[in-house]
Full PDB file with SEQRES, HELIX, SHEET, SSBOND, CRYST1, ORIGX, SCALE, CONECT and MASTER records, all heavy atoms in Angstrom:
SEQRES   1 A   32  GLN GLU ALA MET GLU ARG SER GLU LYS ALA LYS GLN LEU          
SEQRES   2 A   32  ARG ALA MET ARG LYS TYR GLY LYS LYS VAL GLN THR GLU          
SEQRES   3 A   32  ILE LEU GLN ARG ARG GLN                                      
HELIX    1 AA1 GLU A    2  ARG A   31  1                                  30    
CRYST1    1.000    1.000    1.000  90.00  90.00  90.00 P 1           1          
ORIGX1      1.000000  0.000000  0.000000        0.00000                         
ORIGX2      0.000000  1.000000  0.000000        0.00000                         
ORIGX3      0.000000  0.000000  1.000000        0.00000                         
SCALE1      1.000000  0.000000  0.000000        0.00000                         
SCALE2      0.000000  1.000000  0.000000        0.00000                         
SCALE3      0.000000  0.000000  1.000000        0.00000                         
ATOM      1  N   GLN A   1     -51.313  89.686 111.430  1.00  0.00           N  
ATOM      2  CA  GLN A   1     -50.523  90.717 110.754  1.00  0.00           C  
ATOM      3  C   GLN A   1     -49.479  91.318 111.694  1.00  0.00           C  
ATOM      4  O   GLN A   1     -48.323  91.551 111.301  1.00  0.00           O  
ATOM      5  CB  GLN A   1     -51.454  91.812 110.226  1.00  0.00           C  
ATOM      6  CG  GLN A   1     -50.736  92.883 109.412  1.00  0.00           C  
ATOM      7  CD  GLN A   1     -51.701  93.912 108.870  1.00  0.00           C  
ATOM      8  OE1 GLN A   1     -52.904  93.847 109.163  1.00  0.00           O  
ATOM      9  NE2 GLN A   1     -51.203  94.861 108.108  1.00  0.00           N  
ATOM     10  N   GLU A   2     -49.862  91.569 112.953  1.00  0.00           N  
ATOM     11  CA  GLU A   2     -48.900  92.099 113.922  1.00  0.00           C  
ATOM     12  C   GLU A   2     -47.770  91.102 114.184  1.00  0.00           C  
ATOM     13  O   GLU A   2     -46.606  91.498 114.328  1.00  0.00           O  
ATOM     14  CB  GLU A   2     -49.623  92.438 115.229  1.00  0.00           C  
ATOM     15  CG  GLU A   2     -50.561  93.623 115.121  1.00  0.00           C  
ATOM     16  CD  GLU A   2     -51.300  93.872 116.421  1.00  0.00           C  
ATOM     17  OE1 GLU A   2     -51.180  93.021 117.342  1.00  0.00           O  
ATOM     18  OE2 GLU A   2     -52.006  94.903 116.521  1.00  0.00           O  
ATOM     19  N   ALA A   3     -48.112  89.816 114.247  1.00  0.00           N  
ATOM     20  CA  ALA A   3     -47.067  88.805 114.452  1.00  0.00           C  
ATOM     21  C   ALA A   3     -46.100  88.778 113.267  1.00  0.00           C  
ATOM     22  O   ALA A   3     -44.878  88.659 113.454  1.00  0.00           O  
ATOM     23  CB  ALA A   3     -47.713  87.433 114.633  1.00  0.00           C  
ATOM     24  N   MET A   4     -46.627  88.939 112.056  1.00  0.00           N  
ATOM     25  CA  MET A   4     -45.757  88.983 110.872  1.00  0.00           C  
ATOM     26  C   MET A   4     -44.861  90.215 110.907  1.00  0.00           C  
ATOM     27  O   MET A   4     -43.672  90.143 110.563  1.00  0.00           O  
ATOM     28  CB  MET A   4     -46.608  88.975 109.606  1.00  0.00           C  
ATOM     29  CG  MET A   4     -47.314  87.656 109.346  1.00  0.00           C  
ATOM     30  SD  MET A   4     -48.394  87.714 107.899  1.00  0.00           S  
ATOM     31  CE  MET A   4     -47.190  87.980 106.608  1.00  0.00           C  
ATOM     32  N   GLU A   5     -45.415  91.369 111.344  1.00  0.00           N  
ATOM     33  CA  GLU A   5     -44.600  92.582 111.441  1.00  0.00           C  
ATOM     34  C   GLU A   5     -43.503  92.429 112.490  1.00  0.00           C  
ATOM     35  O   GLU A   5     -42.358  92.839 112.276  1.00  0.00           O  
ATOM     36  CB  GLU A   5     -45.503  93.770 111.781  1.00  0.00           C  
ATOM     37  CG  GLU A   5     -46.425  94.176 110.642  1.00  0.00           C  
ATOM     38  CD  GLU A   5     -47.334  95.330 111.024  1.00  0.00           C  
ATOM     39  OE1 GLU A   5     -47.275  95.752 112.215  1.00  0.00           O  
ATOM     40  OE2 GLU A   5     -48.092  95.810 110.161  1.00  0.00           O  
ATOM     41  N   ARG A   6     -43.849  91.829 113.650  1.00  0.00           N  
ATOM     42  CA  ARG A   6     -42.835  91.600 114.680  1.00  0.00           C  
ATOM     43  C   ARG A   6     -41.742  90.659 114.176  1.00  0.00           C  
ATOM     44  O   ARG A   6     -40.550  90.867 114.441  1.00  0.00           O  
ATOM     45  CB  ARG A   6     -43.491  91.027 115.944  1.00  0.00           C  
ATOM     46  CG  ARG A   6     -44.310  92.030 116.737  1.00  0.00           C  
ATOM     47  CD  ARG A   6     -44.594  91.501 118.136  1.00  0.00           C  
ATOM     48  NE  ARG A   6     -45.355  90.272 118.103  1.00  0.00           N  
ATOM     49  CZ  ARG A   6     -46.684  90.212 118.143  1.00  0.00           C  
ATOM     50  NH1 ARG A   6     -47.396  91.331 118.211  1.00  0.00           N  
ATOM     51  NH2 ARG A   6     -47.301  89.040 118.116  1.00  0.00           N  
ATOM     52  N   SER A   7     -42.157  89.625 113.463  1.00  0.00           N  
ATOM     53  CA  SER A   7     -41.169  88.695 112.915  1.00  0.00           C  
ATOM     54  C   SER A   7     -40.253  89.387 111.913  1.00  0.00           C  
ATOM     55  O   SER A   7     -39.035  89.162 111.900  1.00  0.00           O  
ATOM     56  CB  SER A   7     -41.892  87.522 112.252  1.00  0.00           C  
ATOM     57  OG  SER A   7     -40.964  86.647 111.641  1.00  0.00           O  
ATOM     58  N   GLU A   8     -40.835  90.274 111.100  1.00  0.00           N  
ATOM     59  CA  GLU A   8     -40.016  91.004 110.122  1.00  0.00           C  
ATOM     60  C   GLU A   8     -39.042  91.946 110.816  1.00  0.00           C  
ATOM     61  O   GLU A   8     -37.872  92.053 110.423  1.00  0.00           O  
ATOM     62  CB  GLU A   8     -40.939  91.789 109.180  1.00  0.00           C  
ATOM     63  CG  GLU A   8     -40.228  92.408 107.995  1.00  0.00           C  
ATOM     64  CD  GLU A   8     -39.707  91.379 107.016  1.00  0.00           C  
ATOM     65  OE1 GLU A   8     -40.238  90.251 107.017  1.00  0.00           O  
ATOM     66  OE2 GLU A   8     -38.755  91.695 106.272  1.00  0.00           O  
ATOM     67  N   LYS A   9     -39.523  92.631 111.863  1.00  0.00           N  
ATOM     68  CA  LYS A   9     -38.633  93.525 112.607  1.00  0.00           C  
ATOM     69  C   LYS A   9     -37.505  92.742 113.281  1.00  0.00           C  
ATOM     70  O   LYS A   9     -36.351  93.183 113.288  1.00  0.00           O  
ATOM     71  CB  LYS A   9     -39.433  94.303 113.663  1.00  0.00           C  
ATOM     72  CG  LYS A   9     -40.326  95.378 113.082  1.00  0.00           C  
ATOM     73  CD  LYS A   9     -41.042  96.146 114.183  1.00  0.00           C  
ATOM     74  CE  LYS A   9     -41.923  97.240 113.610  1.00  0.00           C  
ATOM     75  NZ  LYS A   9     -42.652  97.978 114.672  1.00  0.00           N  
ATOM     76  N   ALA A  10     -37.855  91.587 113.874  1.00  0.00           N  
ATOM     77  CA  ALA A  10     -36.815  90.771 114.507  1.00  0.00           C  
ATOM     78  C   ALA A  10     -35.791  90.286 113.480  1.00  0.00           C  
ATOM     79  O   ALA A  10     -34.587  90.256 113.744  1.00  0.00           O  
ATOM     80  CB  ALA A  10     -37.458  89.570 115.211  1.00  0.00           C  
ATOM     81  N   LYS A  11     -36.281  89.958 112.281  1.00  0.00           N  
ATOM     82  CA  LYS A  11     -35.357  89.531 111.226  1.00  0.00           C  
ATOM     83  C   LYS A  11     -34.430  90.664 110.822  1.00  0.00           C  
ATOM     84  O   LYS A  11     -33.226  90.474 110.621  1.00  0.00           O  
ATOM     85  CB  LYS A  11     -36.169  89.045 110.030  1.00  0.00           C  
ATOM     86  CG  LYS A  11     -35.343  88.361 108.943  1.00  0.00           C  
ATOM     87  CD  LYS A  11     -36.201  87.979 107.754  1.00  0.00           C  
ATOM     88  CE  LYS A  11     -37.244  86.965 108.147  1.00  0.00           C  
ATOM     89  NZ  LYS A  11     -38.059  86.533 106.974  1.00  0.00           N  
ATOM     90  N   GLN A  12     -34.983  91.884 110.716  1.00  0.00           N  
ATOM     91  CA  GLN A  12     -34.146  93.040 110.374  1.00  0.00           C  
ATOM     92  C   GLN A  12     -33.120  93.324 111.470  1.00  0.00           C  
ATOM     93  O   GLN A  12     -31.966  93.652 111.178  1.00  0.00           O  
ATOM     94  CB  GLN A  12     -35.021  94.263 110.134  1.00  0.00           C  
ATOM     95  CG  GLN A  12     -35.879  94.166 108.887  1.00  0.00           C  
ATOM     96  CD  GLN A  12     -36.769  95.373 108.696  1.00  0.00           C  
ATOM     97  OE1 GLN A  12     -36.757  96.293 109.522  1.00  0.00           O  
ATOM     98  NE2 GLN A  12     -37.553  95.381 107.637  1.00  0.00           N  
ATOM     99  N   LEU A  13     -33.546  93.210 112.751  1.00  0.00           N  
ATOM    100  CA  LEU A  13     -32.613  93.443 113.854  1.00  0.00           C  
ATOM    101  C   LEU A  13     -31.480  92.417 113.844  1.00  0.00           C  
ATOM    102  O   LEU A  13     -30.318  92.758 114.082  1.00  0.00           O  
ATOM    103  CB  LEU A  13     -33.361  93.382 115.195  1.00  0.00           C  
ATOM    104  CG  LEU A  13     -34.243  94.593 115.530  1.00  0.00           C  
ATOM    105  CD1 LEU A  13     -35.010  94.335 116.814  1.00  0.00           C  
ATOM    106  CD2 LEU A  13     -33.412  95.854 115.666  1.00  0.00           C  
ATOM    107  N   ARG A  14     -31.825  91.157 113.577  1.00  0.00           N  
ATOM    108  CA  ARG A  14     -30.780  90.139 113.503  1.00  0.00           C  
ATOM    109  C   ARG A  14     -29.804  90.420 112.380  1.00  0.00           C  
ATOM    110  O   ARG A  14     -28.587  90.257 112.534  1.00  0.00           O  
ATOM    111  CB  ARG A  14     -31.422  88.753 113.313  1.00  0.00           C  
ATOM    112  CG  ARG A  14     -32.064  88.187 114.562  1.00  0.00           C  
ATOM    113  CD  ARG A  14     -32.346  86.704 114.406  1.00  0.00           C  
ATOM    114  NE  ARG A  14     -33.285  86.449 113.335  1.00  0.00           N  
ATOM    115  CZ  ARG A  14     -34.607  86.373 113.492  1.00  0.00           C  
ATOM    116  NH1 ARG A  14     -35.133  86.543 114.699  1.00  0.00           N  
ATOM    117  NH2 ARG A  14     -35.396  86.135 112.485  1.00  0.00           N  
ATOM    118  N   ALA A  15     -30.359  90.878 111.233  1.00  0.00           N  
ATOM    119  CA  ALA A  15     -29.468  91.200 110.109  1.00  0.00           C  
ATOM    120  C   ALA A  15     -28.562  92.375 110.460  1.00  0.00           C  
ATOM    121  O   ALA A  15     -27.361  92.370 110.148  1.00  0.00           O  
ATOM    122  CB  ALA A  15     -30.309  91.512 108.877  1.00  0.00           C  
ATOM    123  N   MET A  16     -29.126  93.401 111.152  1.00  0.00           N  
ATOM    124  CA  MET A  16     -28.322  94.560 111.530  1.00  0.00           C  
ATOM    125  C   MET A  16     -27.251  94.172 112.550  1.00  0.00           C  
ATOM    126  O   MET A  16     -26.107  94.639 112.475  1.00  0.00           O  
ATOM    127  CB  MET A  16     -29.232  95.656 112.093  1.00  0.00           C  
ATOM    128  CG  MET A  16     -30.133  96.300 111.058  1.00  0.00           C  
ATOM    129  SD  MET A  16     -31.295  97.474 111.767  1.00  0.00           S  
ATOM    130  CE  MET A  16     -30.173  98.718 112.381  1.00  0.00           C  
ATOM    131  N   ARG A  17     -27.615  93.325 113.521  1.00  0.00           N  
ATOM    132  CA  ARG A  17     -26.630  92.873 114.504  1.00  0.00           C  
ATOM    133  C   ARG A  17     -25.525  92.063 113.839  1.00  0.00           C  
ATOM    134  O   ARG A  17     -24.340  92.202 114.178  1.00  0.00           O  
ATOM    135  CB  ARG A  17     -27.319  92.034 115.576  1.00  0.00           C  
ATOM    136  CG  ARG A  17     -28.197  92.840 116.514  1.00  0.00           C  
ATOM    137  CD  ARG A  17     -28.944  91.927 117.460  1.00  0.00           C  
ATOM    138  NE  ARG A  17     -29.847  92.669 118.344  1.00  0.00           N  
ATOM    139  CZ  ARG A  17     -30.729  92.122 119.150  1.00  0.00           C  
ATOM    140  NH1 ARG A  17     -30.851  90.800 119.189  1.00  0.00           N  
ATOM    141  NH2 ARG A  17     -31.517  92.867 119.908  1.00  0.00           N  
ATOM    142  N   LYS A  18     -25.913  91.228 112.894  1.00  0.00           N  
ATOM    143  CA  LYS A  18     -24.921  90.427 112.185  1.00  0.00           C  
ATOM    144  C   LYS A  18     -23.969  91.323 111.400  1.00  0.00           C  
ATOM    145  O   LYS A  18     -22.752  91.115 111.409  1.00  0.00           O  
ATOM    146  CB  LYS A  18     -25.638  89.454 111.245  1.00  0.00           C  
ATOM    147  CG  LYS A  18     -24.732  88.441 110.601  1.00  0.00           C  
ATOM    148  CD  LYS A  18     -25.540  87.454 109.790  1.00  0.00           C  
ATOM    149  CE  LYS A  18     -24.636  86.412 109.148  1.00  0.00           C  
ATOM    150  NZ  LYS A  18     -25.426  85.442 108.333  1.00  0.00           N  
ATOM    151  N   TYR A  19     -24.548  92.362 110.741  1.00  0.00           N  
ATOM    152  CA  TYR A  19     -23.702  93.282 109.985  1.00  0.00           C  
ATOM    153  C   TYR A  19     -22.797  94.087 110.920  1.00  0.00           C  
ATOM    154  O   TYR A  19     -21.609  94.284 110.647  1.00  0.00           O  
ATOM    155  CB  TYR A  19     -24.589  94.217 109.161  1.00  0.00           C  
ATOM    156  CG  TYR A  19     -23.818  95.244 108.373  1.00  0.00           C  
ATOM    157  CD1 TYR A  19     -23.105  94.886 107.239  1.00  0.00           C  
ATOM    158  CD2 TYR A  19     -23.800  96.577 108.782  1.00  0.00           C  
ATOM    159  CE1 TYR A  19     -22.392  95.814 106.519  1.00  0.00           C  
ATOM    160  CE2 TYR A  19     -23.085  97.518 108.067  1.00  0.00           C  
ATOM    161  CZ  TYR A  19     -22.392  97.131 106.931  1.00  0.00           C  
ATOM    162  OH  TYR A  19     -21.680  98.058 106.232  1.00  0.00           O  
ATOM    163  N   GLY A  20     -23.366  94.551 112.077  1.00  0.00           N  
ATOM    164  CA  GLY A  20     -22.553  95.298 113.045  1.00  0.00           C  
ATOM    165  C   GLY A  20     -21.431  94.447 113.615  1.00  0.00           C  
ATOM    166  O   GLY A  20     -20.309  94.922 113.803  1.00  0.00           O  
ATOM    167  N   LYS A  21     -21.723  93.173 113.896  1.00  0.00           N  
ATOM    168  CA  LYS A  21     -20.683  92.276 114.403  1.00  0.00           C  
ATOM    169  C   LYS A  21     -19.599  92.061 113.363  1.00  0.00           C  
ATOM    170  O   LYS A  21     -18.396  92.007 113.688  1.00  0.00           O  
ATOM    171  CB  LYS A  21     -21.318  90.945 114.793  1.00  0.00           C  
ATOM    172  CG  LYS A  21     -20.385  90.014 115.531  1.00  0.00           C  
ATOM    173  CD  LYS A  21     -21.122  88.774 115.994  1.00  0.00           C  
ATOM    174  CE  LYS A  21     -20.183  87.842 116.773  1.00  0.00           C  
ATOM    175  NZ  LYS A  21     -20.907  86.623 117.227  1.00  0.00           N  
ATOM    176  N   LYS A  22     -20.005  91.970 112.096  1.00  0.00           N  
ATOM    177  CA  LYS A  22     -19.022  91.792 111.022  1.00  0.00           C  
ATOM    178  C   LYS A  22     -18.118  93.010 110.917  1.00  0.00           C  
ATOM    179  O   LYS A  22     -16.886  92.892 110.800  1.00  0.00           O  
ATOM    180  CB  LYS A  22     -19.757  91.553 109.699  1.00  0.00           C  
ATOM    181  CG  LYS A  22     -18.846  91.324 108.525  1.00  0.00           C  
ATOM    182  CD  LYS A  22     -19.650  91.092 107.259  1.00  0.00           C  
ATOM    183  CE  LYS A  22     -18.730  90.913 106.056  1.00  0.00           C  
ATOM    184  NZ  LYS A  22     -19.528  90.714 104.810  1.00  0.00           N  
ATOM    185  N   VAL A  23     -18.724  94.214 110.987  1.00  0.00           N  
ATOM    186  CA  VAL A  23     -17.930  95.443 110.917  1.00  0.00           C  
ATOM    187  C   VAL A  23     -16.983  95.536 112.110  1.00  0.00           C  
ATOM    188  O   VAL A  23     -15.804  95.914 111.977  1.00  0.00           O  
ATOM    189  CB  VAL A  23     -18.863  96.667 110.854  1.00  0.00           C  
ATOM    190  CG1 VAL A  23     -18.074  97.956 110.978  1.00  0.00           C  
ATOM    191  CG2 VAL A  23     -19.641  96.666 109.551  1.00  0.00           C  
ATOM    192  N   GLN A  24     -17.483  95.183 113.310  1.00  0.00           N  
ATOM    193  CA  GLN A  24     -16.635  95.233 114.509  1.00  0.00           C  
ATOM    194  C   GLN A  24     -15.464  94.260 114.398  1.00  0.00           C  
ATOM    195  O   GLN A  24     -14.335  94.578 114.785  1.00  0.00           O  
ATOM    196  CB  GLN A  24     -17.480  94.909 115.732  1.00  0.00           C  
ATOM    197  CG  GLN A  24     -16.729  95.080 117.053  1.00  0.00           C  
ATOM    198  CD  GLN A  24     -17.618  94.796 118.246  1.00  0.00           C  
ATOM    199  OE1 GLN A  24     -18.741  94.360 118.079  1.00  0.00           O  
ATOM    200  NE2 GLN A  24     -17.121  95.027 119.425  1.00  0.00           N  
ATOM    201  N   THR A  25     -15.734  93.075 113.862  1.00  0.00           N  
ATOM    202  CA  THR A  25     -14.655  92.098 113.677  1.00  0.00           C  
ATOM    203  C   THR A  25     -13.602  92.612 112.706  1.00  0.00           C  
ATOM    204  O   THR A  25     -12.395  92.461 112.929  1.00  0.00           O  
ATOM    205  CB  THR A  25     -15.243  90.773 113.174  1.00  0.00           C  
ATOM    206  OG1 THR A  25     -16.266  90.337 114.082  1.00  0.00           O  
ATOM    207  CG2 THR A  25     -14.164  89.709 113.074  1.00  0.00           C  
ATOM    208  N   GLU A  26     -14.052  93.254 111.627  1.00  0.00           N  
ATOM    209  CA  GLU A  26     -13.099  93.802 110.657  1.00  0.00           C  
ATOM    210  C   GLU A  26     -12.252  94.904 111.288  1.00  0.00           C  
ATOM    211  O   GLU A  26     -11.040  94.987 111.044  1.00  0.00           O  
ATOM    212  CB  GLU A  26     -13.860  94.342 109.448  1.00  0.00           C  
ATOM    213  CG  GLU A  26     -14.504  93.255 108.593  1.00  0.00           C  
ATOM    214  CD  GLU A  26     -15.296  93.844 107.437  1.00  0.00           C  
ATOM    215  OE1 GLU A  26     -15.389  95.084 107.368  1.00  0.00           O  
ATOM    216  OE2 GLU A  26     -15.805  93.064 106.616  1.00  0.00           O  
ATOM    217  N   ILE A  27     -12.876  95.744 112.123  1.00  0.00           N  
ATOM    218  CA  ILE A  27     -12.124  96.822 112.781  1.00  0.00           C  
ATOM    219  C   ILE A  27     -11.081  96.242 113.730  1.00  0.00           C  
ATOM    220  O   ILE A  27      -9.926  96.693 113.774  1.00  0.00           O  
ATOM    221  CB  ILE A  27     -13.093  97.758 113.521  1.00  0.00           C  
ATOM    222  CG1 ILE A  27     -13.942  98.546 112.517  1.00  0.00           C  
ATOM    223  CG2 ILE A  27     -12.323  98.729 114.417  1.00  0.00           C  
ATOM    224  CD1 ILE A  27     -15.014  99.382 113.160  1.00  0.00           C  
ATOM    225  N   LEU A  28     -11.471  95.220 114.516  1.00  0.00           N  
ATOM    226  CA  LEU A  28     -10.518  94.601 115.445  1.00  0.00           C  
ATOM    227  C   LEU A  28      -9.362  93.939 114.693  1.00  0.00           C  
ATOM    228  O   LEU A  28      -8.197  94.049 115.106  1.00  0.00           O  
ATOM    229  CB  LEU A  28     -11.240  93.573 116.310  1.00  0.00           C  
ATOM    230  CG  LEU A  28     -12.253  94.123 117.322  1.00  0.00           C  
ATOM    231  CD1 LEU A  28     -12.962  92.990 118.040  1.00  0.00           C  
ATOM    232  CD2 LEU A  28     -11.566  95.040 118.332  1.00  0.00           C  
ATOM    233  N   GLN A  29      -9.672  93.277 113.588  1.00  0.00           N  
ATOM    234  CA  GLN A  29      -8.611  92.653 112.803  1.00  0.00           C  
ATOM    235  C   GLN A  29      -7.668  93.700 112.230  1.00  0.00           C  
ATOM    236  O   GLN A  29      -6.445  93.505 112.219  1.00  0.00           O  
ATOM    237  CB  GLN A  29      -9.228  91.819 111.682  1.00  0.00           C  
ATOM    238  CG  GLN A  29      -9.932  90.561 112.162  1.00  0.00           C  
ATOM    239  CD  GLN A  29     -10.567  89.792 111.030  1.00  0.00           C  
ATOM    240  OE1 GLN A  29     -10.546  90.237 109.878  1.00  0.00           O  
ATOM    241  NE2 GLN A  29     -11.144  88.631 111.334  1.00  0.00           N  
ATOM    242  N   ARG A  30      -8.228  94.829 111.774  1.00  0.00           N  
ATOM    243  CA  ARG A  30      -7.374  95.880 111.227  1.00  0.00           C  
ATOM    244  C   ARG A  30      -6.485  96.486 112.312  1.00  0.00           C  
ATOM    245  O   ARG A  30      -5.298  96.749 112.083  1.00  0.00           O  
ATOM    246  CB  ARG A  30      -8.241  96.974 110.584  1.00  0.00           C  
ATOM    247  CG  ARG A  30      -7.411  98.005 109.822  1.00  0.00           C  
ATOM    248  CD  ARG A  30      -8.258  99.006 109.096  1.00  0.00           C  
ATOM    249  NE  ARG A  30      -8.948  99.907 109.996  1.00  0.00           N  
ATOM    250  CZ  ARG A  30     -10.252  99.907 110.203  1.00  0.00           C  
ATOM    251  NH1 ARG A  30     -11.023  99.044 109.560  1.00  0.00           N  
ATOM    252  NH2 ARG A  30     -10.815 100.764 111.027  1.00  0.00           N  
ATOM    253  N   ARG A  31      -7.051  96.665 113.513  1.00  0.00           N  
ATOM    254  CA  ARG A  31      -6.243  97.207 114.612  1.00  0.00           C  
ATOM    255  C   ARG A  31      -5.129  96.246 115.009  1.00  0.00           C  
ATOM    256  O   ARG A  31      -3.994  96.677 115.273  1.00  0.00           O  
ATOM    257  CB  ARG A  31      -7.145  97.493 115.817  1.00  0.00           C  
ATOM    258  CG  ARG A  31      -8.060  98.694 115.623  1.00  0.00           C  
ATOM    259  CD  ARG A  31      -8.914  98.908 116.854  1.00  0.00           C  
ATOM    260  NE  ARG A  31      -9.787 100.064 116.696  1.00  0.00           N  
ATOM    261  CZ  ARG A  31     -10.716 100.417 117.581  1.00  0.00           C  
ATOM    262  NH1 ARG A  31     -10.881  99.704 118.697  1.00  0.00           N  
ATOM    263  NH2 ARG A  31     -11.472 101.479 117.370  1.00  0.00           N  
ATOM    264  N   GLN A  32      -5.435  94.959 115.058  1.00  0.00           N  
ATOM    265  CA  GLN A  32      -4.398  93.981 115.396  1.00  0.00           C  
ATOM    266  C   GLN A  32      -3.299  93.959 114.341  1.00  0.00           C  
ATOM    267  O   GLN A  32      -2.112  93.846 114.675  1.00  0.00           O  
ATOM    268  CB  GLN A  32      -5.038  92.595 115.537  1.00  0.00           C  
ATOM    269  CG  GLN A  32      -5.930  92.446 116.758  1.00  0.00           C  
ATOM    270  CD  GLN A  32      -6.578  91.078 116.835  1.00  0.00           C  
ATOM    271  OE1 GLN A  32      -6.384  90.252 115.942  1.00  0.00           O  
ATOM    272  NE2 GLN A  32      -7.360  90.838 117.876  1.00  0.00           N  
TER     273      GLN A  32                                                      
MASTER        0    0    0    1    0    0    0    6  272    1    0    3          
END                                                                             
């Protein structure tokens, strides 16, 4: 169960990083 929770948290972190990278890319494109 703990391994499943860690896997779920890692999946959420990857999704958040992916979303943050997408937002950062959009901001850089808008600035350019």
